[in-house]
């Protein structure tokens, strides 16, 4: 059975994933020990899962392979599928392309101008 605490009333020695990460730790396979519920007015409460700090393990170091994979994934998120350029920011999924490509109107079929 998981203990439930109200917001800001959890005992010492428990931390969320983000708090563990700030300490350079990770849950390390341990089960959730408790939950913190933050009440909201018109919806259900926000829930945060807590883990024991003493059972947490250190964060795994970044290997060269993981670093290369992360760099490739971020490059793919920054590359526009239309103009194939690295735009320097992550392309919004709502647009699906960089802002200049999205703002430029597409030429119509009846347009007789020759694009050089």
PDB file of N, CA and C in Angstrom:
ATOM      1  N   UNK A   1       0.842  -1.179   0.000  1.00  0.00           N
ATOM      2  CA  UNK A   1       0.000   0.000   0.000  1.00  0.00           C
ATOM      3  C   UNK A   1       0.888   1.243   0.000  1.00  0.00           C
ATOM      4  N   UNK A   2       0.591   2.177  -0.857  1.00  0.00           N
ATOM      5  CA  UNK A   2       1.368   3.400  -1.000  1.00  0.00           C
ATOM      6  C   UNK A   2       0.792   4.469  -0.076  1.00  0.00           C
ATOM      7  N   UNK A   3       1.656   5.130   0.684  1.00  0.00           N
ATOM      8  CA  UNK A   3       1.225   6.218   1.554  1.00  0.00           C
ATOM      9  C   UNK A   3       0.903   7.451   0.713  1.00  0.00           C
ATOM     10  N   UNK A   4      -0.080   8.216   1.168  1.00  0.00           N
ATOM     11  CA  UNK A   4      -0.479   9.432   0.462  1.00  0.00           C
ATOM     12  C   UNK A   4      -0.315  10.603   1.421  1.00  0.00           C
ATOM     13  N   UNK A   5       0.391  11.652   0.948  1.00  0.00           N
ATOM     14  CA  UNK A   5       0.603  12.850   1.744  1.00  0.00           C
ATOM     15  C   UNK A   5       0.030  14.039   0.996  1.00  0.00           C
ATOM     16  N   UNK A   6      -0.359  15.048   1.764  1.00  0.00           N
ATOM     17  CA  UNK A   6      -0.803  16.290   1.142  1.00  0.00           C
ATOM     18  C   UNK A   6       0.407  17.082   0.700  1.00  0.00           C
ATOM     19  N   UNK A   7       0.182  18.073  -0.164  1.00  0.00           N
ATOM     20  CA  UNK A   7       1.230  18.897  -0.733  1.00  0.00           C
ATOM     21  C   UNK A   7       2.093  19.514   0.366  1.00  0.00           C
ATOM     22  N   UNK A   8       3.407  19.401   0.219  1.00  0.00           N
ATOM     23  CA  UNK A   8       4.426  19.944   1.125  1.00  0.00           C
ATOM     24  C   UNK A   8       4.459  19.288   2.499  1.00  0.00           C
ATOM     25  N   UNK A   9       3.780  18.162   2.694  1.00  0.00           N
ATOM     26  CA  UNK A   9       3.762  17.511   4.002  1.00  0.00           C
ATOM     27  C   UNK A   9       4.411  16.127   3.983  1.00  0.00           C
ATOM     28  N   UNK A  10       5.172  15.832   2.954  1.00  0.00           N
ATOM     29  CA  UNK A  10       5.867  14.542   2.885  1.00  0.00           C
ATOM     30  C   UNK A  10       7.050  14.548   3.850  1.00  0.00           C
ATOM     31  N   UNK A  11       7.360  13.404   4.459  1.00  0.00           N
ATOM     32  CA  UNK A  11       8.483  13.350   5.399  1.00  0.00           C
ATOM     33  C   UNK A  11       9.827  13.456   4.679  1.00  0.00           C
ATOM     34  N   UNK A  12      10.858  13.784   5.446  1.00  0.00           N
ATOM     35  CA  UNK A  12      12.213  13.847   4.894  1.00  0.00           C
ATOM     36  C   UNK A  12      12.656  12.456   4.472  1.00  0.00           C
ATOM     37  N   UNK A  13      13.584  12.400   3.539  1.00  0.00           N
ATOM     38  CA  UNK A  13      14.089  11.119   3.059  1.00  0.00           C
ATOM     39  C   UNK A  13      13.371  10.611   1.825  1.00  0.00           C
ATOM     40  N   UNK A  14      12.335  11.335   1.364  1.00  0.00           N
ATOM     41  CA  UNK A  14      11.606  10.967   0.149  1.00  0.00           C
ATOM     42  C   UNK A  14      11.779  12.092  -0.860  1.00  0.00           C
ATOM     43  N   UNK A  15      11.835  11.720  -2.139  1.00  0.00           N
ATOM     44  CA  UNK A  15      12.026  12.721  -3.191  1.00  0.00           C
ATOM     45  C   UNK A  15      11.354  12.267  -4.474  1.00  0.00           C
ATOM     46  N   UNK A  16      10.977  13.235  -5.303  1.00  0.00           N
ATOM     47  CA  UNK A  16      10.427  12.937  -6.624  1.00  0.00           C
ATOM     48  C   UNK A  16      11.575  12.630  -7.583  1.00  0.00           C
ATOM     49  N   UNK A  17      11.254  12.209  -8.780  1.00  0.00           N
ATOM     50  CA  UNK A  17      12.289  11.941  -9.789  1.00  0.00           C
ATOM     51  C   UNK A  17      13.131  13.182 -10.070  1.00  0.00           C
ATOM     52  N   UNK A  18      12.487  14.325 -10.207  1.00  0.00           N
ATOM     53  CA  UNK A  18      13.228  15.556 -10.488  1.00  0.00           C
ATOM     54  C   UNK A  18      14.136  15.935  -9.333  1.00  0.00           C
ATOM     55  N   UNK A  19      13.662  15.760  -8.117  1.00  0.00           N
ATOM     56  CA  UNK A  19      14.500  16.063  -6.959  1.00  0.00           C
ATOM     57  C   UNK A  19      15.684  15.111  -6.889  1.00  0.00           C
ATOM     58  N   UNK A  20      15.450  13.826  -7.210  1.00  0.00           N
ATOM     59  CA  UNK A  20      16.559  12.871  -7.247  1.00  0.00           C
ATOM     60  C   UNK A  20      17.566  13.267  -8.316  1.00  0.00           C
ATOM     61  N   UNK A  21      17.077  13.674  -9.473  1.00  0.00           N
ATOM     62  CA  UNK A  21      17.962  14.052 -10.567  1.00  0.00           C
ATOM     63  C   UNK A  21      18.808  15.264 -10.197  1.00  0.00           C
ATOM     64  N   UNK A  22      18.226  16.208  -9.469  1.00  0.00           N
ATOM     65  CA  UNK A  22      18.976  17.382  -9.024  1.00  0.00           C
ATOM     66  C   UNK A  22      20.089  16.996  -8.055  1.00  0.00           C
ATOM     67  N   UNK A  23      19.903  15.880  -7.357  1.00  0.00           N
ATOM     68  CA  UNK A  23      20.926  15.367  -6.450  1.00  0.00           C
ATOM     69  C   UNK A  23      21.910  14.442  -7.150  1.00  0.00           C
ATOM     70  N   UNK A  24      21.721  14.217  -8.458  1.00  0.00           N
ATOM     71  CA  UNK A  24      22.596  13.316  -9.208  1.00  0.00           C
ATOM     72  C   UNK A  24      22.250  11.863  -8.998  1.00  0.00           C
ATOM     73  N   UNK A  25      20.973  11.582  -8.698  1.00  0.00           N
ATOM     74  CA  UNK A  25      20.519  10.219  -8.418  1.00  0.00           C
ATOM     75  C   UNK A  25      19.381   9.849  -9.353  1.00  0.00           C
ATOM     76  N   UNK A  26      19.051   8.545  -9.343  1.00  0.00           N
ATOM     77  CA  UNK A  26      17.905   8.015 -10.084  1.00  0.00           C
ATOM     78  C   UNK A  26      17.209   6.991  -9.202  1.00  0.00           C
ATOM     79  N   UNK A  27      15.934   6.675  -9.454  1.00  0.00           N
ATOM     80  CA  UNK A  27      15.246   5.709  -8.595  1.00  0.00           C
ATOM     81  C   UNK A  27      15.917   4.337  -8.561  1.00  0.00           C
ATOM     82  N   UNK A  28      16.498   3.906  -9.649  1.00  0.00           N
ATOM     83  CA  UNK A  28      17.253   2.654  -9.650  1.00  0.00           C
ATOM     84  C   UNK A  28      16.413   1.405  -9.491  1.00  0.00           C
ATOM     85  N   UNK A  29      15.198   1.389 -10.024  1.00  0.00           N
ATOM     86  CA  UNK A  29      14.381   0.187 -10.000  1.00  0.00           C
ATOM     87  C   UNK A  29      13.520   0.024  -8.761  1.00  0.00           C
ATOM     88  N   UNK A  30      13.632   0.910  -7.792  1.00  0.00           N
ATOM     89  CA  UNK A  30      12.801   0.778  -6.593  1.00  0.00           C
ATOM     90  C   UNK A  30      11.361   1.163  -6.894  1.00  0.00           C
ATOM     91  N   UNK A  31      10.451   0.604  -6.132  1.00  0.00           N
ATOM     92  CA  UNK A  31       9.034   0.906  -6.300  1.00  0.00           C
ATOM     93  C   UNK A  31       8.700   2.263  -5.684  1.00  0.00           C
ATOM     94  N   UNK A  32       7.565   2.801  -6.092  1.00  0.00           N
ATOM     95  CA  UNK A  32       7.080   4.056  -5.529  1.00  0.00           C
ATOM     96  C   UNK A  32       6.733   3.804  -4.065  1.00  0.00           C
ATOM     97  N   UNK A  33       7.219   4.676  -3.182  1.00  0.00           N
ATOM     98  CA  UNK A  33       6.999   4.517  -1.745  1.00  0.00           C
ATOM     99  C   UNK A  33       5.763   5.288  -1.295  1.00  0.00           C
ATOM    100  N   UNK A  34       5.564   6.485  -1.865  1.00  0.00           N
ATOM    101  CA  UNK A  34       4.451   7.329  -1.445  1.00  0.00           C
ATOM    102  C   UNK A  34       4.042   8.242  -2.591  1.00  0.00           C
ATOM    103  N   UNK A  35       2.926   8.912  -2.389  1.00  0.00           N
ATOM    104  CA  UNK A  35       2.422   9.886  -3.351  1.00  0.00           C
ATOM    105  C   UNK A  35       2.156  11.193  -2.622  1.00  0.00           C
ATOM    106  N   UNK A  36       2.360  12.294  -3.323  1.00  0.00           N
ATOM    107  CA  UNK A  36       1.990  13.613  -2.813  1.00  0.00           C
ATOM    108  C   UNK A  36       0.860  14.117  -3.693  1.00  0.00           C
ATOM    109  N   UNK A  37      -0.234  14.528  -3.066  1.00  0.00           N
ATOM    110  CA  UNK A  37      -1.377  15.045  -3.811  1.00  0.00           C
ATOM    111  C   UNK A  37      -1.478  16.545  -3.592  1.00  0.00           C
ATOM    112  N   UNK A  38      -1.532  17.274  -4.708  1.00  0.00           N
ATOM    113  CA  UNK A  38      -1.725  18.729  -4.643  1.00  0.00           C
ATOM    114  C   UNK A  38      -3.145  19.005  -5.112  1.00  0.00           C
ATOM    115  N   UNK A  39      -4.001  19.502  -4.217  1.00  0.00           N
ATOM    116  CA  UNK A  39      -5.402  19.711  -4.620  1.00  0.00           C
ATOM    117  C   UNK A  39      -5.548  20.827  -5.647  1.00  0.00           C
ATOM    118  N   UNK A  40      -6.557  20.661  -6.501  1.00  0.00           N
ATOM    119  CA  UNK A  40      -6.918  21.685  -7.478  1.00  0.00           C
ATOM    120  C   UNK A  40      -8.412  21.961  -7.331  1.00  0.00           C
ATOM    121  N   UNK A  41      -8.854  23.087  -7.797  1.00  0.00           N
ATOM    122  CA  UNK A  41     -10.241  23.495  -7.542  1.00  0.00           C
ATOM    123  C   UNK A  41     -11.273  22.686  -8.315  1.00  0.00           C
ATOM    124  N   UNK A  42     -11.115  22.616  -9.609  1.00  0.00           N
ATOM    125  CA  UNK A  42     -12.184  22.010 -10.417  1.00  0.00           C
ATOM    126  C   UNK A  42     -11.812  20.667 -11.023  1.00  0.00           C
ATOM    127  N   UNK A  43     -10.619  20.187 -10.743  1.00  0.00           N
ATOM    128  CA  UNK A  43     -10.185  18.905 -11.306  1.00  0.00           C
ATOM    129  C   UNK A  43      -9.616  18.043 -10.202  1.00  0.00           C
ATOM    130  N   UNK A  44      -9.234  16.853 -10.568  1.00  0.00           N
ATOM    131  CA  UNK A  44      -8.611  15.965  -9.597  1.00  0.00           C
ATOM    132  C   UNK A  44      -7.244  16.488  -9.181  1.00  0.00           C
ATOM    133  N   UNK A  45      -6.695  15.969  -8.103  1.00  0.00           N
ATOM    134  CA  UNK A  45      -5.412  16.488  -7.610  1.00  0.00           C
ATOM    135  C   UNK A  45      -4.253  16.104  -8.520  1.00  0.00           C
ATOM    136  N   UNK A  46      -3.208  16.940  -8.496  1.00  0.00           N
ATOM    137  CA  UNK A  46      -1.956  16.592  -9.156  1.00  0.00           C
ATOM    138  C   UNK A  46      -1.234  15.585  -8.270  1.00  0.00           C
ATOM    139  N   UNK A  47      -0.636  14.589  -8.869  1.00  0.00           N
ATOM    140  CA  UNK A  47       0.011  13.528  -8.107  1.00  0.00           C
ATOM    141  C   UNK A  47       1.490  13.482  -8.457  1.00  0.00           C
ATOM    142  N   UNK A  48       2.330  13.410  -7.437  1.00  0.00           N
ATOM    143  CA  UNK A  48       3.772  13.233  -7.614  1.00  0.00           C
ATOM    144  C   UNK A  48       4.171  11.975  -6.865  1.00  0.00           C
ATOM    145  N   UNK A  49       4.970  11.123  -7.495  1.00  0.00           N
ATOM    146  CA  UNK A  49       5.409   9.881  -6.877  1.00  0.00           C
ATOM    147  C   UNK A  49       6.733  10.102  -6.157  1.00  0.00           C
ATOM    148  N   UNK A  50       6.864   9.514  -4.988  1.00  0.00           N
ATOM    149  CA  UNK A  50       8.047   9.699  -4.160  1.00  0.00           C
ATOM    150  C   UNK A  50       8.838   8.407  -4.036  1.00  0.00           C
ATOM    151  N   UNK A  51      10.160   8.548  -3.978  1.00  0.00           N
ATOM    152  CA  UNK A  51      11.084   7.432  -3.845  1.00  0.00           C
ATOM    153  C   UNK A  51      12.009   7.693  -2.653  1.00  0.00           C
ATOM    154  N   UNK A  52      12.562   6.627  -2.082  1.00  0.00           N
ATOM    155  CA  UNK A  52      13.490   6.773  -0.963  1.00  0.00           C
ATOM    156  C   UNK A  52      14.853   7.226  -1.480  1.00  0.00           C
ATOM    157  N   UNK A  53      15.394   8.250  -0.845  1.00  0.00           N
ATOM    158  CA  UNK A  53      16.685   8.779  -1.269  1.00  0.00           C
ATOM    159  C   UNK A  53      17.807   7.797  -0.962  1.00  0.00           C
ATOM    160  N   UNK A  54      17.711   7.089   0.165  1.00  0.00           N
ATOM    161  CA  UNK A  54      18.796   6.176   0.534  1.00  0.00           C
ATOM    162  C   UNK A  54      18.880   4.948  -0.364  1.00  0.00           C
ATOM    163  N   UNK A  55      17.791   4.610  -1.071  1.00  0.00           N
ATOM    164  CA  UNK A  55      17.821   3.467  -1.996  1.00  0.00           C
ATOM    165  C   UNK A  55      18.115   3.884  -3.432  1.00  0.00           C
ATOM    166  N   UNK A  56      18.236   5.181  -3.669  1.00  0.00           N
ATOM    167  CA  UNK A  56      18.486   5.680  -5.022  1.00  0.00           C
ATOM    168  C   UNK A  56      19.927   5.386  -5.433  1.00  0.00           C
ATOM    169  N   UNK A  57      20.112   5.242  -6.722  1.00  0.00           N
ATOM    170  CA  UNK A  57      21.439   4.952  -7.271  1.00  0.00           C
ATOM    171  C   UNK A  57      21.951   6.166  -8.029  1.00  0.00           C
ATOM    172  N   UNK A  58      23.268   6.270  -8.211  1.00  0.00           N
ATOM    173  CA  UNK A  58      23.792   7.409  -8.979  1.00  0.00           C
ATOM    174  C   UNK A  58      23.378   7.336 -10.446  1.00  0.00           C
ATOM    175  N   UNK A  59      23.277   8.497 -11.069  1.00  0.00           N
ATOM    176  CA  UNK A  59      22.933   8.571 -12.485  1.00  0.00           C
ATOM    177  C   UNK A  59      24.061   7.943 -13.295  1.00  0.00           C
ATOM    178  N   UNK A  60      23.674   7.186 -14.312  1.00  0.00           N
ATOM    179  CA  UNK A  60      24.686   6.569 -15.172  1.00  0.00           C
ATOM    180  C   UNK A  60      25.422   7.637 -15.965  1.00  0.00           C
ATOM    181  N   UNK A  61      26.738   7.487 -16.134  1.00  0.00           N
ATOM    182  CA  UNK A  61      27.475   8.506 -16.899  1.00  0.00           C
ATOM    183  C   UNK A  61      27.118   8.447 -18.385  1.00  0.00           C
ATOM    184  N   UNK A  62      27.256   9.573 -19.048  1.00  0.00           N
ATOM    185  CA  UNK A  62      26.975   9.658 -20.484  1.00  0.00           C
ATOM    186  C   UNK A  62      28.132   9.022 -21.248  1.00  0.00           C
ATOM    187  N   UNK A  63      27.824   8.007 -22.023  1.00  0.00           N
ATOM    188  CA  UNK A  63      28.846   7.335 -22.827  1.00  0.00           C
ATOM    189  C   UNK A  63      28.958   8.031 -24.177  1.00  0.00           C
ATOM    190  N   UNK A  64      30.044   7.814 -24.900  1.00  0.00           N
ATOM    191  CA  UNK A  64      30.161   8.429 -26.234  1.00  0.00           C
ATOM    192  C   UNK A  64      29.045   8.001 -27.188  1.00  0.00           C
ATOM    193  N   UNK A  65      28.615   6.758 -27.108  1.00  0.00           N
ATOM    194  CA  UNK A  65      27.536   6.292 -27.978  1.00  0.00           C
ATOM    195  C   UNK A  65      26.210   6.966 -27.669  1.00  0.00           C
ATOM    196  N   UNK A  66      25.882   7.097 -26.376  1.00  0.00           N
ATOM    197  CA  UNK A  66      24.643   7.770 -25.984  1.00  0.00           C
ATOM    198  C   UNK A  66      24.696   9.243 -26.351  1.00  0.00           C
ATOM    199  N   UNK A  67      25.865   9.856 -26.213  1.00  0.00           N
ATOM    200  CA  UNK A  67      26.023  11.261 -26.574  1.00  0.00           C
ATOM    201  C   UNK A  67      25.814  11.469 -28.072  1.00  0.00           C
ATOM    202  N   UNK A  68      26.364  10.566 -28.885  1.00  0.00           N
ATOM    203  CA  UNK A  68      26.199  10.661 -30.345  1.00  0.00           C
ATOM    204  C   UNK A  68      24.736  10.441 -30.739  1.00  0.00           C
ATOM    205  N   UNK A  69      24.057   9.498 -30.089  1.00  0.00           N
ATOM    206  CA  UNK A  69      22.652   9.238 -30.390  1.00  0.00           C
ATOM    207  C   UNK A  69      21.785  10.437 -30.020  1.00  0.00           C
ATOM    208  N   UNK A  70      22.073  11.057 -28.892  1.00  0.00           N
ATOM    209  CA  UNK A  70      21.324  12.237 -28.476  1.00  0.00           C
ATOM    210  C   UNK A  70      21.546  13.399 -29.441  1.00  0.00           C
ATOM    211  N   UNK A  71      22.790  13.586 -29.878  1.00  0.00           N
ATOM    212  CA  UNK A  71      23.094  14.655 -30.833  1.00  0.00           C
ATOM    213  C   UNK A  71      22.369  14.422 -32.162  1.00  0.00           C
ATOM    214  N   UNK A  72      22.311  13.175 -32.626  1.00  0.00           N
ATOM    215  CA  UNK A  72      21.615  12.867 -33.880  1.00  0.00           C
ATOM    216  C   UNK A  72      20.114  13.101 -33.745  1.00  0.00           C
ATOM    217  N   UNK A  73      19.542  12.749 -32.599  1.00  0.00           N
ATOM    218  CA  UNK A  73      18.109  12.953 -32.393  1.00  0.00           C
ATOM    219  C   UNK A  73      17.778  14.441 -32.352  1.00  0.00           C
ATOM    220  N   UNK A  74      18.615  15.230 -31.700  1.00  0.00           N
ATOM    221  CA  UNK A  74      18.359  16.662 -31.637  1.00  0.00           C
ATOM    222  C   UNK A  74      18.544  17.325 -33.002  1.00  0.00           C
ATOM    223  N   UNK A  75      19.495  16.846 -33.800  1.00  0.00           N
ATOM    224  CA  UNK A  75      19.669  17.372 -35.151  1.00  0.00           C
ATOM    225  C   UNK A  75      18.427  17.092 -35.994  1.00  0.00           C
ATOM    226  N   UNK A  76      17.843  15.900 -35.830  1.00  0.00           N
ATOM    227  CA  UNK A  76      16.636  15.563 -36.578  1.00  0.00           C
ATOM    228  C   UNK A  76      15.472  16.464 -36.178  1.00  0.00           C
ATOM    229  N   UNK A  77      15.395  16.849 -34.915  1.00  0.00           N
ATOM    230  CA  UNK A  77      14.317  17.732 -34.459  1.00  0.00           C
ATOM    231  C   UNK A  77      14.510  19.162 -34.946  1.00  0.00           C
ATOM    232  N   UNK A  78      15.754  19.548 -35.265  1.00  0.00           N
ATOM    233  CA  UNK A  78      16.036  20.911 -35.723  1.00  0.00           C
ATOM    234  C   UNK A  78      16.031  21.041 -37.241  1.00  0.00           C
ATOM    235  N   UNK A  79      15.990  19.940 -37.986  1.00  0.00           N
ATOM    236  CA  UNK A  79      16.062  19.971 -39.446  1.00  0.00           C
ATOM    237  C   UNK A  79      14.665  20.071 -40.037  1.00  0.00           C
ATOM    238  N   UNK A  80      14.457  21.092 -40.868  1.00  0.00           N
ATOM    239  CA  UNK A  80      13.158  21.297 -41.516  1.00  0.00           C
ATOM    240  C   UNK A  80      12.980  20.263 -42.622  1.00  0.00           C
ATOM    241  N   UNK A  81      11.821  19.587 -42.695  1.00  0.00           N
ATOM    242  CA  UNK A  81      11.612  18.598 -43.754  1.00  0.00           C
ATOM    243  C   UNK A  81      11.427  19.237 -45.138  1.00  0.00           C
ATOM    244  N   UNK A  82      11.060  20.514 -45.199  1.00  0.00           N
ATOM    245  CA  UNK A  82      10.865  21.182 -46.494  1.00  0.00           C
ATOM    246  C   UNK A  82      12.170  21.675 -47.088  1.00  0.00           C
ATOM    247  N   UNK A  83      12.900  22.513 -46.341  1.00  0.00           N
ATOM    248  CA  UNK A  83      14.109  23.128 -46.895  1.00  0.00           C
ATOM    249  C   UNK A  83      15.386  22.376 -46.511  1.00  0.00           C
ATOM    250  N   UNK A  84      15.262  21.362 -45.663  1.00  0.00           N
ATOM    251  CA  UNK A  84      16.393  20.499 -45.274  1.00  0.00           C
ATOM    252  C   UNK A  84      17.557  21.263 -44.642  1.00  0.00           C
ATOM    253  N   UNK A  85      17.250  22.328 -43.898  1.00  0.00           N
ATOM    254  CA  UNK A  85      18.310  23.077 -43.228  1.00  0.00           C
ATOM    255  C   UNK A  85      18.151  22.954 -41.722  1.00  0.00           C
ATOM    256  N   UNK A  86      19.279  23.072 -41.018  1.00  0.00           N
ATOM    257  CA  UNK A  86      19.269  23.098 -39.566  1.00  0.00           C
ATOM    258  C   UNK A  86      18.903  24.522 -39.162  1.00  0.00           C
ATOM    259  N   UNK A  87      17.703  24.697 -38.596  1.00  0.00           N
ATOM    260  CA  UNK A  87      17.205  26.037 -38.299  1.00  0.00           C
ATOM    261  C   UNK A  87      17.668  26.545 -36.938  1.00  0.00           C
ATOM    262  N   UNK A  88      18.315  25.717 -36.135  1.00  0.00           N
ATOM    263  CA  UNK A  88      18.866  26.169 -34.869  1.00  0.00           C
ATOM    264  C   UNK A  88      17.913  26.086 -33.695  1.00  0.00           C
ATOM    265  N   UNK A  89      16.691  25.618 -33.917  1.00  0.00           N
ATOM    266  CA  UNK A  89      15.728  25.441 -32.829  1.00  0.00           C
ATOM    267  C   UNK A  89      14.889  24.211 -33.151  1.00  0.00           C
ATOM    268  N   UNK A  90      14.252  23.651 -32.148  1.00  0.00           N
ATOM    269  CA  UNK A  90      13.399  22.482 -32.380  1.00  0.00           C
ATOM    270  C   UNK A  90      12.144  22.933 -33.117  1.00  0.00           C
ATOM    271  N   UNK A  91      11.849  22.263 -34.212  1.00  0.00           N
ATOM    272  CA  UNK A  91      10.705  22.605 -35.055  1.00  0.00           C
ATOM    273  C   UNK A  91       9.418  22.260 -34.299  1.00  0.00           C
ATOM    274  N   UNK A  92       8.476  23.189 -34.200  1.00  0.00           N
ATOM    275  CA  UNK A  92       7.224  22.899 -33.508  1.00  0.00           C
ATOM    276  C   UNK A  92       6.447  21.796 -34.229  1.00  0.00           C
ATOM    277  N   UNK A  93       5.943  20.842 -33.467  1.00  0.00           N
ATOM    278  CA  UNK A  93       5.179  19.754 -34.070  1.00  0.00           C
ATOM    279  C   UNK A  93       3.865  20.261 -34.652  1.00  0.00           C
ATOM    280  N   UNK A  94       3.362  21.362 -34.112  1.00  0.00           N
ATOM    281  CA  UNK A  94       2.105  21.906 -34.631  1.00  0.00           C
ATOM    282  C   UNK A  94       2.274  22.450 -36.046  1.00  0.00           C
ATOM    283  N   UNK A  95       3.477  22.961 -36.377  1.00  0.00           N
ATOM    284  CA  UNK A  95       3.731  23.475 -37.724  1.00  0.00           C
ATOM    285  C   UNK A  95       4.241  22.389 -38.654  1.00  0.00           C
ATOM    286  N   UNK A  96       5.132  21.539 -38.164  1.00  0.00           N
ATOM    287  CA  UNK A  96       5.694  20.480 -38.986  1.00  0.00           C
ATOM    288  C   UNK A  96       6.816  20.949 -39.892  1.00  0.00           C
ATOM    289  N   UNK A  97       7.167  22.240 -39.821  1.00  0.00           N
ATOM    290  CA  UNK A  97       8.240  22.801 -40.642  1.00  0.00           C
ATOM    291  C   UNK A  97       8.737  24.066 -39.947  1.00  0.00           C
ATOM    292  N   UNK A  98       9.823  24.627 -40.446  1.00  0.00           N
ATOM    293  CA  UNK A  98      10.362  25.844 -39.835  1.00  0.00           C
ATOM    294  C   UNK A  98       9.411  27.007 -40.106  1.00  0.00           C
ATOM    295  N   UNK A  99       9.563  28.074 -39.325  1.00  0.00           N
ATOM    296  CA  UNK A  99       8.670  29.227 -39.446  1.00  0.00           C
ATOM    297  C   UNK A  99       8.746  29.894 -40.824  1.00  0.00           C
ATOM    298  N   UNK A 100       9.951  30.105 -41.423  1.00  0.00           N
ATOM    299  CA  UNK A 100       9.974  30.704 -42.761  1.00  0.00           C
ATOM    300  C   UNK A 100       9.243  29.863 -43.817  1.00  0.00           C
ATOM    301  N   UNK A 101       9.386  28.547 -43.768  1.00  0.00           N
ATOM    302  CA  UNK A 101       8.670  27.693 -44.730  1.00  0.00           C
ATOM    303  C   UNK A 101       7.168  27.749 -44.479  1.00  0.00           C
ATOM    304  N   UNK A 102       6.774  27.806 -43.224  1.00  0.00           N
ATOM    305  CA  UNK A 102       5.353  27.851 -42.894  1.00  0.00           C
ATOM    306  C   UNK A 102       4.724  29.170 -43.322  1.00  0.00           C
ATOM    307  N   UNK A 103       5.481  30.268 -43.198  1.00  0.00           N
ATOM    308  CA  UNK A 103       4.940  31.586 -43.525  1.00  0.00           C
ATOM    309  C   UNK A 103       4.971  31.897 -45.014  1.00  0.00           C
ATOM    310  N   UNK A 104       5.764  31.171 -45.803  1.00  0.00           N
ATOM    311  CA  UNK A 104       5.847  31.397 -47.240  1.00  0.00           C
ATOM    312  C   UNK A 104       4.704  30.656 -47.924  1.00  0.00           C
ATOM    313  N   UNK A 105       3.877  31.371 -48.693  1.00  0.00           N
ATOM    314  CA  UNK A 105       2.776  30.673 -49.379  1.00  0.00           C
ATOM    315  C   UNK A 105       3.314  29.752 -50.481  1.00  0.00           C
ATOM    316  N   UNK A 106       2.690  28.625 -50.617  1.00  0.00           N
ATOM    317  CA  UNK A 106       3.094  27.666 -51.646  1.00  0.00           C
ATOM    318  C   UNK A 106       2.627  28.176 -53.011  1.00  0.00           C
ATOM    319  N   UNK A 107       3.461  28.004 -54.049  1.00  0.00           N
ATOM    320  CA  UNK A 107       3.029  28.448 -55.385  1.00  0.00           C
ATOM    321  C   UNK A 107       1.878  27.587 -55.883  1.00  0.00           C
ATOM    322  N   UNK A 108       0.910  28.227 -56.518  1.00  0.00           N
ATOM    323  CA  UNK A 108      -0.236  27.490 -57.041  1.00  0.00           C
ATOM    324  C   UNK A 108       0.124  26.870 -58.396  1.00  0.00           C
ATOM    325  N   UNK A 109      -0.701  25.939 -58.843  1.00  0.00           N
ATOM    326  CA  UNK A 109      -0.414  25.247 -60.105  1.00  0.00           C
ATOM    327  C   UNK A 109      -0.567  26.185 -61.306  1.00  0.00           C
ATOM    328  N   UNK A 110      -1.448  27.140 -61.204  1.00  0.00           N
ATOM    329  CA  UNK A 110      -1.677  28.069 -62.313  1.00  0.00           C
ATOM    330  C   UNK A 110      -0.653  29.187 -62.371  1.00  0.00           C
ATOM    331  N   UNK A 111       0.265  29.224 -61.438  1.00  0.00           N
ATOM    332  CA  UNK A 111       1.275  30.279 -61.415  1.00  0.00           C
ATOM    333  C   UNK A 111       2.280  30.005 -62.535  1.00  0.00           C
ATOM    334  N   UNK A 112       2.433  30.940 -63.464  1.00  0.00           N
ATOM    335  CA  UNK A 112       3.296  30.716 -64.615  1.00  0.00           C
ATOM    336  C   UNK A 112       4.704  31.267 -64.416  1.00  0.00           C
ATOM    337  N   UNK A 113       4.992  31.827 -63.240  1.00  0.00           N
ATOM    338  CA  UNK A 113       6.342  32.343 -62.998  1.00  0.00           C
ATOM    339  C   UNK A 113       7.328  31.195 -62.896  1.00  0.00           C
ATOM    340  N   UNK A 114       8.455  31.399 -63.452  1.00  0.00           N
ATOM    341  CA  UNK A 114       9.512  30.380 -63.382  1.00  0.00           C
ATOM    342  C   UNK A 114      10.391  30.715 -62.193  1.00  0.00           C
ATOM    343  N   UNK A 115      10.558  29.738 -61.318  1.00  0.00           N
ATOM    344  CA  UNK A 115      11.392  29.932 -60.142  1.00  0.00           C
ATOM    345  C   UNK A 115      12.826  29.572 -60.502  1.00  0.00           C
ATOM    346  N   UNK A 116      13.724  30.497 -60.324  1.00  0.00           N
ATOM    347  CA  UNK A 116      15.123  30.243 -60.681  1.00  0.00           C
ATOM    348  C   UNK A 116      15.916  29.835 -59.485  1.00  0.00           C
TER     349      UNK A 116
END
